[in-house]
């Protein structure tokens, strides 16, 4: 696991910390924090987040279940979008070229 991911885990607490604040504390970009969070999760670390708590924190078992359910919901929605895009445009709709 990367040094950044381990440093991020060390500074997370049980209270939500906004991603921008984490980036500032670690002196890295927002994108690097997102990658480190993904890396921690991929290695089984329970990094919780919520839009209503505005940040990331070390989660408990309830947080883990909530995060799993949220990720599964996002996956279902993404699969629906992929299927719609694979079907192509609705009859009569123009296809934009880029």
N, C-alpha and C. Protein backbone atom coordinates (compact mmCIF):
# COMPACT_ATOMS: atom_id res chain seq x y z
N UNK A 1 0.85 -1.17 0.00
CA UNK A 1 0.00 0.00 0.00
C UNK A 1 0.90 1.24 0.00
N UNK A 2 0.42 2.30 -0.61
CA UNK A 2 1.23 3.51 -0.75
C UNK A 2 1.40 4.23 0.60
N UNK A 3 2.46 4.99 0.65
CA UNK A 3 2.73 5.81 1.84
C UNK A 3 1.61 6.82 2.06
N UNK A 4 1.09 7.39 0.97
CA UNK A 4 0.01 8.37 1.10
C UNK A 4 -1.23 7.75 1.72
N UNK A 5 -1.61 6.55 1.27
CA UNK A 5 -2.79 5.89 1.83
C UNK A 5 -2.60 5.64 3.32
N UNK A 6 -1.43 5.20 3.72
CA UNK A 6 -1.17 4.94 5.14
C UNK A 6 -1.17 6.24 5.95
N UNK A 7 -0.62 7.30 5.38
CA UNK A 7 -0.65 8.60 6.09
C UNK A 7 -2.08 9.09 6.23
N UNK A 8 -2.88 8.90 5.19
CA UNK A 8 -4.29 9.31 5.25
C UNK A 8 -5.00 8.53 6.35
N UNK A 9 -4.79 7.23 6.42
CA UNK A 9 -5.43 6.41 7.46
C UNK A 9 -5.05 6.92 8.85
N UNK A 10 -3.78 7.31 9.01
CA UNK A 10 -3.31 7.80 10.30
C UNK A 10 -4.02 9.08 10.74
N UNK A 11 -4.39 9.94 9.78
CA UNK A 11 -5.01 11.21 10.19
C UNK A 11 -6.53 11.14 10.26
N UNK A 12 -7.13 10.09 9.69
CA UNK A 12 -8.59 9.96 9.80
C UNK A 12 -8.97 9.67 11.24
N UNK A 13 -10.11 10.20 11.66
CA UNK A 13 -10.61 9.95 13.01
C UNK A 13 -12.05 9.49 12.90
N UNK A 14 -12.74 9.46 14.02
CA UNK A 14 -14.15 9.05 13.99
C UNK A 14 -15.07 10.22 13.67
N UNK A 15 -14.49 11.40 13.45
CA UNK A 15 -15.27 12.58 13.08
C UNK A 15 -15.01 12.92 11.60
N UNK A 16 -16.05 13.30 10.86
CA UNK A 16 -15.87 13.60 9.44
C UNK A 16 -14.89 14.74 9.19
N UNK A 17 -14.02 14.54 8.21
CA UNK A 17 -13.07 15.57 7.78
C UNK A 17 -13.27 15.76 6.28
N UNK A 18 -13.56 16.99 5.84
CA UNK A 18 -13.75 17.23 4.41
C UNK A 18 -12.51 16.86 3.59
N UNK A 19 -12.75 16.38 2.37
CA UNK A 19 -11.64 15.95 1.51
C UNK A 19 -10.66 17.09 1.26
N UNK A 20 -11.15 18.31 1.10
CA UNK A 20 -10.25 19.45 0.87
C UNK A 20 -9.31 19.65 2.06
N UNK A 21 -9.84 19.46 3.26
CA UNK A 21 -9.00 19.58 4.46
C UNK A 21 -7.97 18.47 4.52
N UNK A 22 -8.37 17.25 4.15
CA UNK A 22 -7.42 16.13 4.12
C UNK A 22 -6.30 16.41 3.13
N UNK A 23 -6.67 16.94 1.95
CA UNK A 23 -5.66 17.26 0.94
C UNK A 23 -4.68 18.30 1.47
N UNK A 24 -5.21 19.29 2.15
CA UNK A 24 -4.34 20.33 2.71
C UNK A 24 -3.41 19.76 3.79
N UNK A 25 -3.96 18.92 4.67
CA UNK A 25 -3.15 18.31 5.73
C UNK A 25 -2.03 17.43 5.17
N UNK A 26 -2.32 16.78 4.05
CA UNK A 26 -1.34 15.87 3.44
C UNK A 26 -0.49 16.56 2.38
N UNK A 27 -0.84 17.82 2.08
CA UNK A 27 -0.13 18.60 1.07
C UNK A 27 -0.15 17.90 -0.30
N UNK A 28 -1.35 17.43 -0.68
CA UNK A 28 -1.55 16.77 -1.98
C UNK A 28 -2.83 17.30 -2.61
N UNK A 29 -3.09 16.90 -3.83
CA UNK A 29 -4.30 17.33 -4.52
C UNK A 29 -5.52 16.55 -4.05
N UNK A 30 -6.68 17.11 -4.34
CA UNK A 30 -7.94 16.45 -4.04
C UNK A 30 -8.00 15.08 -4.72
N UNK A 31 -7.53 15.03 -5.96
CA UNK A 31 -7.55 13.77 -6.71
C UNK A 31 -6.69 12.70 -6.03
N UNK A 32 -5.56 13.10 -5.50
CA UNK A 32 -4.68 12.14 -4.81
C UNK A 32 -5.35 11.59 -3.55
N UNK A 33 -6.12 12.44 -2.86
CA UNK A 33 -6.85 11.97 -1.68
C UNK A 33 -7.90 10.95 -2.10
N UNK A 34 -8.62 11.23 -3.20
CA UNK A 34 -9.62 10.28 -3.68
C UNK A 34 -8.99 8.94 -4.04
N UNK A 35 -7.83 8.99 -4.67
CA UNK A 35 -7.12 7.74 -5.02
C UNK A 35 -6.69 6.99 -3.77
N UNK A 36 -6.20 7.72 -2.76
CA UNK A 36 -5.77 7.08 -1.51
C UNK A 36 -6.95 6.45 -0.78
N UNK A 37 -8.11 7.12 -0.81
CA UNK A 37 -9.32 6.57 -0.19
C UNK A 37 -9.70 5.27 -0.90
N UNK A 38 -9.67 5.30 -2.24
CA UNK A 38 -9.99 4.09 -3.01
C UNK A 38 -9.01 2.97 -2.67
N UNK A 39 -7.74 3.29 -2.55
CA UNK A 39 -6.72 2.30 -2.22
C UNK A 39 -6.98 1.69 -0.84
N UNK A 40 -7.29 2.54 0.12
CA UNK A 40 -7.60 2.03 1.46
C UNK A 40 -8.78 1.08 1.43
N UNK A 41 -9.83 1.47 0.74
CA UNK A 41 -11.03 0.63 0.65
C UNK A 41 -10.72 -0.68 -0.07
N UNK A 42 -9.94 -0.61 -1.13
CA UNK A 42 -9.57 -1.82 -1.86
C UNK A 42 -8.76 -2.79 -0.99
N UNK A 43 -8.14 -2.27 0.05
CA UNK A 43 -7.38 -3.10 0.97
C UNK A 43 -8.14 -3.41 2.25
N UNK A 44 -9.44 -3.16 2.24
CA UNK A 44 -10.30 -3.55 3.35
C UNK A 44 -10.44 -2.54 4.48
N UNK A 45 -9.84 -1.37 4.34
CA UNK A 45 -9.97 -0.35 5.38
C UNK A 45 -11.35 0.27 5.29
N UNK A 46 -11.96 0.52 6.43
CA UNK A 46 -13.31 1.05 6.47
C UNK A 46 -13.29 2.58 6.50
N UNK A 47 -13.19 3.17 5.31
CA UNK A 47 -13.24 4.63 5.18
C UNK A 47 -14.68 4.98 4.83
N UNK A 48 -15.35 5.64 5.75
CA UNK A 48 -16.75 6.00 5.57
C UNK A 48 -16.88 7.42 5.05
N UNK A 49 -17.99 7.66 4.38
CA UNK A 49 -18.29 9.02 3.91
C UNK A 49 -19.79 9.17 3.81
N UNK A 50 -20.22 10.41 3.79
CA UNK A 50 -21.64 10.69 3.67
C UNK A 50 -21.80 12.13 3.23
N UNK A 51 -22.75 12.34 2.36
CA UNK A 51 -22.98 13.71 1.90
C UNK A 51 -23.54 14.59 3.02
N UNK A 52 -24.29 13.99 3.94
CA UNK A 52 -24.86 14.82 5.01
C UNK A 52 -23.89 15.07 6.16
N UNK A 53 -22.81 14.30 6.24
CA UNK A 53 -21.80 14.56 7.28
C UNK A 53 -20.60 15.31 6.72
N UNK A 54 -20.54 15.45 5.42
CA UNK A 54 -19.54 16.27 4.76
C UNK A 54 -18.09 15.89 5.09
N UNK A 55 -17.71 14.67 4.78
CA UNK A 55 -16.33 14.31 4.97
C UNK A 55 -16.11 12.81 5.03
N UNK A 56 -14.90 12.43 5.39
CA UNK A 56 -14.48 11.04 5.52
C UNK A 56 -14.04 10.78 6.95
N UNK A 57 -14.25 9.55 7.41
CA UNK A 57 -13.84 9.18 8.76
C UNK A 57 -13.64 7.67 8.82
N UNK A 58 -13.00 7.22 9.91
CA UNK A 58 -12.86 5.78 10.15
C UNK A 58 -14.23 5.26 10.57
N UNK A 59 -14.76 4.37 9.77
CA UNK A 59 -16.12 3.92 10.00
C UNK A 59 -16.23 2.74 10.95
N UNK A 60 -17.43 2.58 11.50
CA UNK A 60 -17.75 1.41 12.32
C UNK A 60 -18.49 0.40 11.44
N UNK A 61 -18.99 -0.67 12.00
CA UNK A 61 -19.68 -1.69 11.21
C UNK A 61 -20.92 -1.16 10.51
N UNK A 62 -21.67 -0.30 11.18
CA UNK A 62 -22.86 0.29 10.55
C UNK A 62 -22.46 1.16 9.36
N UNK A 63 -21.38 1.92 9.51
CA UNK A 63 -20.88 2.75 8.41
C UNK A 63 -20.46 1.86 7.23
N UNK A 64 -19.80 0.74 7.54
CA UNK A 64 -19.35 -0.17 6.49
C UNK A 64 -20.57 -0.69 5.69
N UNK A 65 -21.61 -1.11 6.40
CA UNK A 65 -22.81 -1.61 5.72
C UNK A 65 -23.44 -0.51 4.85
N UNK A 66 -23.49 0.70 5.38
CA UNK A 66 -24.06 1.83 4.63
C UNK A 66 -23.22 2.11 3.37
N UNK A 67 -21.91 2.12 3.50
CA UNK A 67 -21.03 2.39 2.36
C UNK A 67 -21.19 1.30 1.30
N UNK A 68 -21.25 0.05 1.72
CA UNK A 68 -21.44 -1.05 0.77
C UNK A 68 -22.76 -0.90 0.03
N UNK A 69 -23.83 -0.59 0.75
CA UNK A 69 -25.14 -0.41 0.12
C UNK A 69 -25.12 0.75 -0.87
N UNK A 70 -24.46 1.84 -0.49
CA UNK A 70 -24.38 3.01 -1.37
C UNK A 70 -23.60 2.68 -2.64
N UNK A 71 -22.48 1.97 -2.50
CA UNK A 71 -21.68 1.60 -3.67
C UNK A 71 -22.45 0.64 -4.58
N UNK A 72 -23.19 -0.29 -3.99
CA UNK A 72 -24.00 -1.20 -4.80
C UNK A 72 -25.07 -0.44 -5.56
N UNK A 73 -25.69 0.54 -4.94
CA UNK A 73 -26.70 1.35 -5.60
C UNK A 73 -26.09 2.13 -6.76
N UNK A 74 -24.94 2.72 -6.54
CA UNK A 74 -24.26 3.45 -7.61
C UNK A 74 -23.93 2.52 -8.77
N UNK A 75 -23.49 1.31 -8.45
CA UNK A 75 -23.15 0.34 -9.47
C UNK A 75 -24.36 0.00 -10.33
N UNK A 76 -25.50 -0.21 -9.70
CA UNK A 76 -26.73 -0.51 -10.44
C UNK A 76 -27.08 0.64 -11.38
N UNK A 77 -26.99 1.86 -10.87
CA UNK A 77 -27.32 3.02 -11.70
C UNK A 77 -26.35 3.16 -12.87
N UNK A 78 -25.06 2.92 -12.61
CA UNK A 78 -24.06 2.99 -13.69
C UNK A 78 -24.32 1.93 -14.75
N UNK A 79 -24.69 0.73 -14.33
CA UNK A 79 -24.98 -0.34 -15.28
C UNK A 79 -26.18 0.02 -16.15
N UNK A 80 -27.18 0.68 -15.58
CA UNK A 80 -28.34 1.12 -16.36
C UNK A 80 -27.93 2.14 -17.41
N UNK A 81 -27.04 3.05 -17.04
CA UNK A 81 -26.55 4.06 -18.00
C UNK A 81 -25.76 3.38 -19.11
N UNK A 82 -24.91 2.44 -18.76
CA UNK A 82 -24.11 1.73 -19.76
C UNK A 82 -25.01 1.00 -20.75
N UNK A 83 -26.02 0.31 -20.23
CA UNK A 83 -26.94 -0.42 -21.11
C UNK A 83 -27.67 0.54 -22.05
N UNK A 84 -28.11 1.68 -21.53
CA UNK A 84 -28.80 2.67 -22.36
C UNK A 84 -27.87 3.20 -23.45
N UNK A 85 -26.63 3.45 -23.09
CA UNK A 85 -25.68 3.97 -24.07
C UNK A 85 -25.35 2.92 -25.13
N UNK A 86 -25.29 1.67 -24.73
CA UNK A 86 -25.01 0.60 -25.69
C UNK A 86 -26.14 0.43 -26.69
N UNK A 87 -27.38 0.68 -26.24
CA UNK A 87 -28.53 0.58 -27.14
C UNK A 87 -28.49 1.66 -28.21
N UNK A 88 -27.88 2.76 -27.92
CA UNK A 88 -27.78 3.84 -28.88
C UNK A 88 -28.89 4.86 -28.71
N UNK A 89 -28.96 5.83 -29.61
CA UNK A 89 -29.94 6.89 -29.50
C UNK A 89 -31.37 6.40 -29.74
N UNK A 90 -32.30 7.12 -29.18
CA UNK A 90 -33.72 6.85 -29.38
C UNK A 90 -34.05 7.17 -30.83
N UNK A 91 -34.95 6.41 -31.44
CA UNK A 91 -35.33 6.64 -32.84
C UNK A 91 -35.64 8.11 -33.08
N UNK A 92 -35.07 8.64 -34.14
CA UNK A 92 -35.32 10.03 -34.50
C UNK A 92 -34.37 11.01 -33.83
N UNK A 93 -33.60 10.54 -32.91
CA UNK A 93 -32.67 11.43 -32.20
C UNK A 93 -31.35 11.47 -32.96
N UNK A 94 -30.84 12.66 -33.13
CA UNK A 94 -29.57 12.81 -33.83
C UNK A 94 -28.41 12.40 -32.96
N UNK A 95 -27.42 11.83 -33.58
CA UNK A 95 -26.19 11.46 -32.87
C UNK A 95 -25.19 12.58 -33.09
N UNK A 96 -24.69 13.11 -32.01
CA UNK A 96 -23.71 14.19 -32.10
C UNK A 96 -22.34 13.59 -32.38
N UNK A 97 -21.60 14.19 -33.30
CA UNK A 97 -20.23 13.74 -33.54
C UNK A 97 -19.29 14.72 -32.86
N UNK A 98 -18.25 14.15 -32.37
CA UNK A 98 -17.26 14.97 -31.66
C UNK A 98 -15.98 15.05 -32.46
